[in-house]
Amino acid sequence: MTKVKSLTDLKRMKETLQAKIDLREKGEAAENLVQIKVAMATCGIASGAKTVMEFLIDELGKRGINAVVTQTGCMGYCYAEPTIEVKLPHADPVVFGYVDTKKADEIIERYIKKGELVDGIIPVNYESINNI
C-alpha cells in the first residue's frame, strides 16, 4: 500500500480509486458499453482471476475504453480458469479461457479495440431456452 505523505498524495489516491470505481459501476447504459464479466468463484480466484480483473480495470481506464467490469460466479468452465465473458455493444458475448494478464492485454488490443478474434475462445455448448 502506498504511504500518504501529503494532501496531494491523498487527493491523487482518491482520484485513482474513484476512476476504478466509476469503471466498474457504469451500469446505467451498459448495453452501449463493453461489458466484461470475470468469473470469481473459488476456482477462478485460485487461478488468478483477481489479478486479471484488476489488470482489466486499470488498462481499460488507461486506454480510455468505456467499459463495465464486474465479477460473476462460476461460468461452468472450471478447467479453463480464469475465464472472462466479453460483450461488445450490439454483439453476442464471447467467453475466453485461460486468461492471464498477457491474454487480457491481447483481448483488449485485438478483440475489443479492433474486433479481431483471438485464441482462447470457449465455444458455446448450450442452447438458450428461447431457442427450444
N, C-alpha and C. Protein backbone atom coordinates (compact mmCIF):
# COMPACT_ATOMS: atom_id res chain seq x y z
N MET A 1 0.84 -1.18 0.00
CA MET A 1 0.00 0.00 0.00
C MET A 1 0.88 1.23 0.00
N THR A 2 0.51 2.22 -0.78
CA THR A 2 1.25 3.46 -0.90
C THR A 2 1.08 4.29 0.36
N LYS A 3 2.19 4.86 0.83
CA LYS A 3 2.12 5.73 2.00
C LYS A 3 1.71 7.13 1.57
N VAL A 4 0.85 7.73 2.36
CA VAL A 4 0.38 9.08 2.10
C VAL A 4 1.27 10.03 2.87
N LYS A 5 1.97 10.90 2.14
CA LYS A 5 2.90 11.82 2.77
C LYS A 5 2.40 13.26 2.74
N SER A 6 1.39 13.52 1.90
CA SER A 6 0.88 14.89 1.80
C SER A 6 -0.58 14.86 1.37
N LEU A 7 -1.21 16.01 1.44
CA LEU A 7 -2.59 16.14 0.99
C LEU A 7 -2.69 15.86 -0.51
N THR A 8 -1.68 16.23 -1.27
CA THR A 8 -1.66 15.97 -2.71
C THR A 8 -1.66 14.46 -2.99
N ASP A 9 -0.87 13.71 -2.20
CA ASP A 9 -0.86 12.26 -2.35
C ASP A 9 -2.23 11.67 -2.07
N LEU A 10 -2.89 12.18 -1.03
CA LEU A 10 -4.22 11.70 -0.67
C LEU A 10 -5.24 12.00 -1.77
N LYS A 11 -5.18 13.20 -2.35
CA LYS A 11 -6.09 13.56 -3.43
C LYS A 11 -5.85 12.70 -4.66
N ARG A 12 -4.59 12.46 -4.98
CA ARG A 12 -4.24 11.63 -6.14
C ARG A 12 -4.76 10.21 -5.93
N MET A 13 -4.61 9.68 -4.72
CA MET A 13 -5.10 8.34 -4.41
C MET A 13 -6.62 8.28 -4.54
N LYS A 14 -7.29 9.33 -4.07
CA LYS A 14 -8.75 9.37 -4.17
C LYS A 14 -9.19 9.37 -5.63
N GLU A 15 -8.54 10.18 -6.47
CA GLU A 15 -8.89 10.23 -7.89
C GLU A 15 -8.68 8.89 -8.58
N THR A 16 -7.59 8.22 -8.26
CA THR A 16 -7.31 6.92 -8.85
C THR A 16 -8.36 5.90 -8.45
N LEU A 17 -8.68 5.85 -7.17
CA LEU A 17 -9.69 4.91 -6.69
C LEU A 17 -11.07 5.23 -7.24
N GLN A 18 -11.41 6.51 -7.35
CA GLN A 18 -12.71 6.90 -7.88
C GLN A 18 -12.83 6.49 -9.35
N ALA A 19 -11.75 6.63 -10.10
CA ALA A 19 -11.76 6.23 -11.51
C ALA A 19 -12.01 4.72 -11.63
N LYS A 20 -11.40 3.94 -10.75
CA LYS A 20 -11.61 2.49 -10.77
C LYS A 20 -13.05 2.14 -10.41
N ILE A 21 -13.59 2.81 -9.43
CA ILE A 21 -14.98 2.56 -9.04
C ILE A 21 -15.93 2.93 -10.18
N ASP A 22 -15.70 4.08 -10.80
CA ASP A 22 -16.55 4.51 -11.92
C ASP A 22 -16.51 3.50 -13.05
N LEU A 23 -15.33 2.97 -13.35
CA LEU A 23 -15.19 2.00 -14.43
C LEU A 23 -15.98 0.73 -14.13
N ARG A 24 -16.03 0.33 -12.88
CA ARG A 24 -16.75 -0.89 -12.50
C ARG A 24 -18.24 -0.71 -12.41
N GLU A 25 -18.70 0.48 -12.14
CA GLU A 25 -20.11 0.66 -11.81
C GLU A 25 -20.89 1.53 -12.79
N LYS A 26 -20.59 1.44 -14.06
CA LYS A 26 -21.31 2.21 -15.08
C LYS A 26 -22.51 1.45 -15.59
N GLY A 27 -23.30 0.91 -14.73
CA GLY A 27 -24.37 0.01 -15.11
C GLY A 27 -25.56 0.65 -15.80
N GLU A 28 -25.69 1.98 -15.81
CA GLU A 28 -26.89 2.61 -16.35
C GLU A 28 -27.06 2.42 -17.85
N ALA A 29 -26.05 2.57 -18.63
CA ALA A 29 -26.14 2.43 -20.08
C ALA A 29 -25.21 1.30 -20.55
N ALA A 30 -25.24 0.20 -19.83
CA ALA A 30 -24.30 -0.89 -20.09
C ALA A 30 -24.41 -1.47 -21.49
N GLU A 31 -25.62 -1.43 -22.10
CA GLU A 31 -25.77 -2.02 -23.43
C GLU A 31 -24.96 -1.28 -24.49
N ASN A 32 -24.56 -0.05 -24.23
CA ASN A 32 -23.76 0.73 -25.17
C ASN A 32 -22.27 0.71 -24.83
N LEU A 33 -21.91 -0.06 -23.82
CA LEU A 33 -20.51 -0.14 -23.39
C LEU A 33 -20.00 -1.57 -23.57
N VAL A 34 -18.70 -1.70 -23.56
CA VAL A 34 -18.09 -3.02 -23.49
C VAL A 34 -18.39 -3.54 -22.09
N GLN A 35 -18.88 -4.78 -22.02
CA GLN A 35 -19.18 -5.39 -20.72
C GLN A 35 -18.28 -6.60 -20.54
N ILE A 36 -17.60 -6.64 -19.42
CA ILE A 36 -16.71 -7.76 -19.12
C ILE A 36 -17.10 -8.34 -17.77
N LYS A 37 -17.32 -9.65 -17.76
CA LYS A 37 -17.60 -10.37 -16.51
C LYS A 37 -16.42 -11.29 -16.24
N VAL A 38 -15.89 -11.20 -15.05
CA VAL A 38 -14.77 -12.04 -14.65
C VAL A 38 -15.31 -13.09 -13.68
N ALA A 39 -15.10 -14.37 -14.00
CA ALA A 39 -15.57 -15.46 -13.14
C ALA A 39 -14.72 -15.46 -11.87
N MET A 40 -15.39 -15.20 -10.74
CA MET A 40 -14.67 -15.09 -9.47
C MET A 40 -15.18 -16.11 -8.44
N ALA A 41 -15.53 -17.32 -8.91
CA ALA A 41 -15.81 -18.39 -7.97
C ALA A 41 -14.47 -18.86 -7.41
N THR A 42 -14.50 -19.79 -6.50
CA THR A 42 -13.27 -20.25 -5.84
C THR A 42 -12.21 -20.68 -6.85
N CYS A 43 -12.62 -21.43 -7.88
CA CYS A 43 -11.63 -21.92 -8.85
C CYS A 43 -11.03 -20.76 -9.64
N GLY A 44 -11.82 -19.75 -9.97
CA GLY A 44 -11.32 -18.60 -10.69
C GLY A 44 -10.34 -17.79 -9.86
N ILE A 45 -10.71 -17.54 -8.63
CA ILE A 45 -9.83 -16.78 -7.73
C ILE A 45 -8.51 -17.52 -7.54
N ALA A 46 -8.58 -18.83 -7.33
CA ALA A 46 -7.37 -19.64 -7.14
C ALA A 46 -6.48 -19.63 -8.37
N SER A 47 -7.08 -19.42 -9.54
CA SER A 47 -6.31 -19.44 -10.79
C SER A 47 -5.79 -18.06 -11.20
N GLY A 48 -6.15 -17.02 -10.46
CA GLY A 48 -5.62 -15.69 -10.76
C GLY A 48 -6.63 -14.69 -11.30
N ALA A 49 -7.93 -14.95 -11.14
CA ALA A 49 -8.95 -14.06 -11.68
C ALA A 49 -8.90 -12.66 -11.06
N LYS A 50 -8.52 -12.56 -9.81
CA LYS A 50 -8.46 -11.25 -9.15
C LYS A 50 -7.41 -10.36 -9.83
N THR A 51 -6.27 -10.95 -10.14
CA THR A 51 -5.21 -10.21 -10.83
C THR A 51 -5.68 -9.78 -12.21
N VAL A 52 -6.38 -10.67 -12.91
CA VAL A 52 -6.90 -10.35 -14.24
C VAL A 52 -7.92 -9.22 -14.16
N MET A 53 -8.80 -9.27 -13.18
CA MET A 53 -9.81 -8.23 -13.04
C MET A 53 -9.17 -6.88 -12.75
N GLU A 54 -8.21 -6.84 -11.85
CA GLU A 54 -7.51 -5.59 -11.55
C GLU A 54 -6.80 -5.05 -12.79
N PHE A 55 -6.18 -5.94 -13.55
CA PHE A 55 -5.49 -5.54 -14.77
C PHE A 55 -6.48 -4.93 -15.76
N LEU A 56 -7.61 -5.60 -15.97
CA LEU A 56 -8.62 -5.09 -16.91
C LEU A 56 -9.12 -3.71 -16.49
N ILE A 57 -9.44 -3.55 -15.22
CA ILE A 57 -9.93 -2.25 -14.74
C ILE A 57 -8.90 -1.16 -14.98
N ASP A 58 -7.64 -1.44 -14.63
CA ASP A 58 -6.58 -0.45 -14.81
C ASP A 58 -6.35 -0.12 -16.28
N GLU A 59 -6.20 -1.15 -17.10
CA GLU A 59 -5.84 -0.94 -18.51
C GLU A 59 -6.97 -0.32 -19.33
N LEU A 60 -8.21 -0.73 -19.08
CA LEU A 60 -9.32 -0.12 -19.82
C LEU A 60 -9.41 1.37 -19.50
N GLY A 61 -9.20 1.72 -18.25
CA GLY A 61 -9.19 3.13 -17.86
C GLY A 61 -8.04 3.89 -18.51
N LYS A 62 -6.85 3.32 -18.49
CA LYS A 62 -5.67 3.98 -19.09
C LYS A 62 -5.85 4.18 -20.59
N ARG A 63 -6.52 3.24 -21.25
CA ARG A 63 -6.68 3.29 -22.70
C ARG A 63 -7.94 4.02 -23.13
N GLY A 64 -8.69 4.54 -22.16
CA GLY A 64 -9.88 5.33 -22.48
C GLY A 64 -11.03 4.53 -23.08
N ILE A 65 -11.12 3.27 -22.73
CA ILE A 65 -12.19 2.42 -23.25
C ILE A 65 -13.32 2.41 -22.22
N ASN A 66 -14.50 2.86 -22.65
CA ASN A 66 -15.66 2.84 -21.76
C ASN A 66 -16.15 1.42 -21.61
N ALA A 67 -16.07 0.91 -20.40
CA ALA A 67 -16.43 -0.49 -20.15
C ALA A 67 -16.98 -0.64 -18.74
N VAL A 68 -17.75 -1.70 -18.58
CA VAL A 68 -18.23 -2.10 -17.27
C VAL A 68 -17.55 -3.43 -16.96
N VAL A 69 -16.80 -3.47 -15.87
CA VAL A 69 -16.12 -4.69 -15.47
C VAL A 69 -16.76 -5.14 -14.16
N THR A 70 -17.32 -6.35 -14.18
CA THR A 70 -17.96 -6.88 -12.98
C THR A 70 -17.46 -8.29 -12.73
N GLN A 71 -17.74 -8.75 -11.53
CA GLN A 71 -17.40 -10.13 -11.23
C GLN A 71 -18.67 -10.96 -11.23
N THR A 72 -18.51 -12.22 -11.53
CA THR A 72 -19.64 -13.15 -11.53
C THR A 72 -19.18 -14.44 -10.87
N GLY A 73 -20.10 -15.32 -10.64
CA GLY A 73 -19.78 -16.62 -10.06
C GLY A 73 -19.26 -17.57 -11.13
N CYS A 74 -19.41 -18.83 -10.86
CA CYS A 74 -18.91 -19.86 -11.76
C CYS A 74 -19.63 -19.82 -13.10
N MET A 75 -18.87 -19.88 -14.18
CA MET A 75 -19.44 -19.94 -15.52
C MET A 75 -19.51 -21.38 -16.01
N GLY A 76 -18.98 -22.31 -15.23
CA GLY A 76 -19.01 -23.72 -15.60
C GLY A 76 -17.81 -24.17 -16.40
N TYR A 77 -16.81 -23.34 -16.51
CA TYR A 77 -15.61 -23.69 -17.28
C TYR A 77 -14.40 -23.77 -16.35
N CYS A 78 -14.54 -24.49 -15.26
CA CYS A 78 -13.50 -24.55 -14.24
C CYS A 78 -12.15 -25.01 -14.80
N TYR A 79 -12.18 -25.88 -15.80
CA TYR A 79 -10.95 -26.39 -16.40
C TYR A 79 -10.16 -25.28 -17.11
N ALA A 80 -10.81 -24.18 -17.45
CA ALA A 80 -10.18 -23.12 -18.25
C ALA A 80 -10.01 -21.81 -17.48
N GLU A 81 -10.06 -21.86 -16.16
CA GLU A 81 -9.95 -20.64 -15.36
C GLU A 81 -8.56 -20.04 -15.48
N PRO A 82 -8.47 -18.75 -15.34
CA PRO A 82 -9.50 -17.75 -15.21
C PRO A 82 -10.26 -17.54 -16.53
N THR A 83 -11.56 -17.34 -16.41
CA THR A 83 -12.40 -17.10 -17.59
C THR A 83 -13.05 -15.73 -17.48
N ILE A 84 -13.25 -15.11 -18.66
CA ILE A 84 -13.95 -13.84 -18.72
C ILE A 84 -14.95 -13.89 -19.87
N GLU A 85 -16.05 -13.18 -19.69
CA GLU A 85 -17.02 -13.03 -20.76
C GLU A 85 -16.95 -11.58 -21.23
N VAL A 86 -16.77 -11.39 -22.53
CA VAL A 86 -16.69 -10.04 -23.11
C VAL A 86 -17.87 -9.85 -24.05
N LYS A 87 -18.62 -8.80 -23.81
CA LYS A 87 -19.75 -8.48 -24.68
C LYS A 87 -19.52 -7.08 -25.24
N LEU A 88 -19.30 -7.03 -26.54
CA LEU A 88 -19.19 -5.75 -27.22
C LEU A 88 -20.59 -5.22 -27.48
N PRO A 89 -20.75 -3.89 -27.59
CA PRO A 89 -22.09 -3.35 -27.83
C PRO A 89 -22.74 -3.98 -29.07
N HIS A 90 -23.98 -4.40 -28.92
CA HIS A 90 -24.79 -4.95 -30.01
C HIS A 90 -24.19 -6.22 -30.61
N ALA A 91 -23.49 -7.01 -29.79
CA ALA A 91 -22.91 -8.27 -30.25
C ALA A 91 -23.16 -9.34 -29.18
N ASP A 92 -23.08 -10.60 -29.60
CA ASP A 92 -23.21 -11.69 -28.65
C ASP A 92 -21.98 -11.76 -27.76
N PRO A 93 -22.14 -12.21 -26.52
CA PRO A 93 -20.97 -12.34 -25.64
C PRO A 93 -20.05 -13.47 -26.09
N VAL A 94 -18.77 -13.30 -25.78
CA VAL A 94 -17.75 -14.30 -26.09
C VAL A 94 -17.03 -14.62 -24.79
N VAL A 95 -16.83 -15.91 -24.51
CA VAL A 95 -16.13 -16.33 -23.30
C VAL A 95 -14.71 -16.75 -23.68
N PHE A 96 -13.75 -16.21 -22.94
CA PHE A 96 -12.35 -16.55 -23.13
C PHE A 96 -11.86 -17.33 -21.92
N GLY A 97 -11.04 -18.35 -22.16
CA GLY A 97 -10.48 -19.15 -21.07
C GLY A 97 -8.98 -19.00 -20.98
N TYR A 98 -8.45 -19.45 -19.85
CA TYR A 98 -7.01 -19.38 -19.56
C TYR A 98 -6.49 -17.95 -19.69
N VAL A 99 -7.24 -16.99 -19.15
CA VAL A 99 -6.89 -15.58 -19.30
C VAL A 99 -5.94 -15.16 -18.18
N ASP A 100 -4.75 -14.76 -18.58
CA ASP A 100 -3.81 -14.13 -17.66
C ASP A 100 -3.67 -12.68 -18.11
N THR A 101 -2.78 -11.91 -17.51
CA THR A 101 -2.68 -10.50 -17.89
C THR A 101 -2.20 -10.33 -19.33
N LYS A 102 -1.35 -11.22 -19.81
CA LYS A 102 -0.89 -11.14 -21.20
C LYS A 102 -2.05 -11.38 -22.16
N LYS A 103 -2.88 -12.41 -21.88
CA LYS A 103 -4.04 -12.70 -22.72
C LYS A 103 -5.06 -11.57 -22.62
N ALA A 104 -5.24 -11.01 -21.42
CA ALA A 104 -6.17 -9.90 -21.24
C ALA A 104 -5.73 -8.69 -22.07
N ASP A 105 -4.45 -8.44 -22.12
CA ASP A 105 -3.92 -7.34 -22.94
C ASP A 105 -4.22 -7.58 -24.41
N GLU A 106 -4.03 -8.82 -24.86
CA GLU A 106 -4.33 -9.17 -26.26
C GLU A 106 -5.82 -9.01 -26.56
N ILE A 107 -6.67 -9.40 -25.62
CA ILE A 107 -8.12 -9.27 -25.79
C ILE A 107 -8.50 -7.80 -25.92
N ILE A 108 -7.91 -6.96 -25.10
CA ILE A 108 -8.19 -5.51 -25.19
C ILE A 108 -7.76 -4.97 -26.54
N GLU A 109 -6.52 -5.24 -26.92
CA GLU A 109 -5.95 -4.65 -28.14
C GLU A 109 -6.57 -5.20 -29.41
N ARG A 110 -6.77 -6.50 -29.47
CA ARG A 110 -7.24 -7.09 -30.73
C ARG A 110 -8.75 -7.26 -30.79
N TYR A 111 -9.37 -7.81 -29.75
CA TYR A 111 -10.81 -8.08 -29.81
C TYR A 111 -11.64 -6.83 -29.51
N ILE A 112 -11.35 -6.18 -28.41
CA ILE A 112 -12.16 -5.02 -28.01
C ILE A 112 -11.91 -3.82 -28.91
N LYS A 113 -10.65 -3.51 -29.20
CA LYS A 113 -10.35 -2.31 -29.99
C LYS A 113 -10.53 -2.53 -31.49
N LYS A 114 -10.18 -3.72 -31.99
CA LYS A 114 -10.18 -3.94 -33.44
C LYS A 114 -11.24 -4.93 -33.92
N GLY A 115 -11.88 -5.64 -33.01
CA GLY A 115 -12.90 -6.61 -33.41
C GLY A 115 -12.35 -7.91 -33.97
N GLU A 116 -11.05 -8.15 -33.80
CA GLU A 116 -10.43 -9.38 -34.30
C GLU A 116 -10.60 -10.50 -33.27
N LEU A 117 -10.90 -11.70 -33.73
CA LEU A 117 -10.97 -12.84 -32.82
C LEU A 117 -9.57 -13.25 -32.41
N VAL A 118 -9.45 -13.70 -31.17
CA VAL A 118 -8.15 -14.15 -30.65
C VAL A 118 -8.30 -15.56 -30.09
N ASP A 119 -7.20 -16.27 -29.98
CA ASP A 119 -7.22 -17.62 -29.42
C ASP A 119 -7.72 -17.59 -27.99
N GLY A 120 -8.34 -18.68 -27.59
CA GLY A 120 -8.80 -18.81 -26.21
C GLY A 120 -10.30 -18.74 -26.05
N ILE A 121 -11.04 -18.63 -27.16
CA ILE A 121 -12.49 -18.57 -27.08
C ILE A 121 -13.03 -19.96 -26.72
N ILE A 122 -13.93 -19.97 -25.75
CA ILE A 122 -14.61 -21.21 -25.38
C ILE A 122 -15.90 -21.26 -26.18
N PRO A 123 -16.08 -22.28 -27.02
CA PRO A 123 -17.29 -22.33 -27.86
C PRO A 123 -18.56 -22.49 -27.02
N VAL A 124 -19.65 -21.94 -27.51
CA VAL A 124 -20.94 -22.07 -26.85
C VAL A 124 -21.36 -23.53 -26.94
N ASN A 125 -21.71 -24.11 -25.81
CA ASN A 125 -22.09 -25.52 -25.82
C ASN A 125 -23.46 -25.74 -25.18
N TYR A 126 -24.33 -24.75 -25.35
CA TYR A 126 -25.67 -24.87 -24.80
C TYR A 126 -26.65 -24.14 -25.71
N GLU A 127 -27.90 -24.46 -25.55
CA GLU A 127 -28.97 -23.78 -26.28
C GLU A 127 -29.71 -22.89 -25.30
N SER A 128 -30.05 -21.72 -25.71
CA SER A 128 -30.88 -20.84 -24.89
C SER A 128 -32.28 -21.43 -24.83
N ILE A 129 -32.94 -21.28 -23.73
CA ILE A 129 -34.31 -21.78 -23.60
C ILE A 129 -35.23 -21.13 -24.62
N ASN A 130 -34.89 -19.93 -25.06
CA ASN A 130 -35.69 -19.23 -26.07
C ASN A 130 -35.59 -19.89 -27.44
N ASN A 131 -34.56 -20.67 -27.68
CA ASN A 131 -34.36 -21.31 -28.99
C ASN A 131 -34.99 -22.69 -29.08
N ILE A 132 -35.52 -23.17 -27.99
CA ILE A 132 -36.07 -24.55 -27.97
C ILE A 132 -37.52 -24.53 -28.41
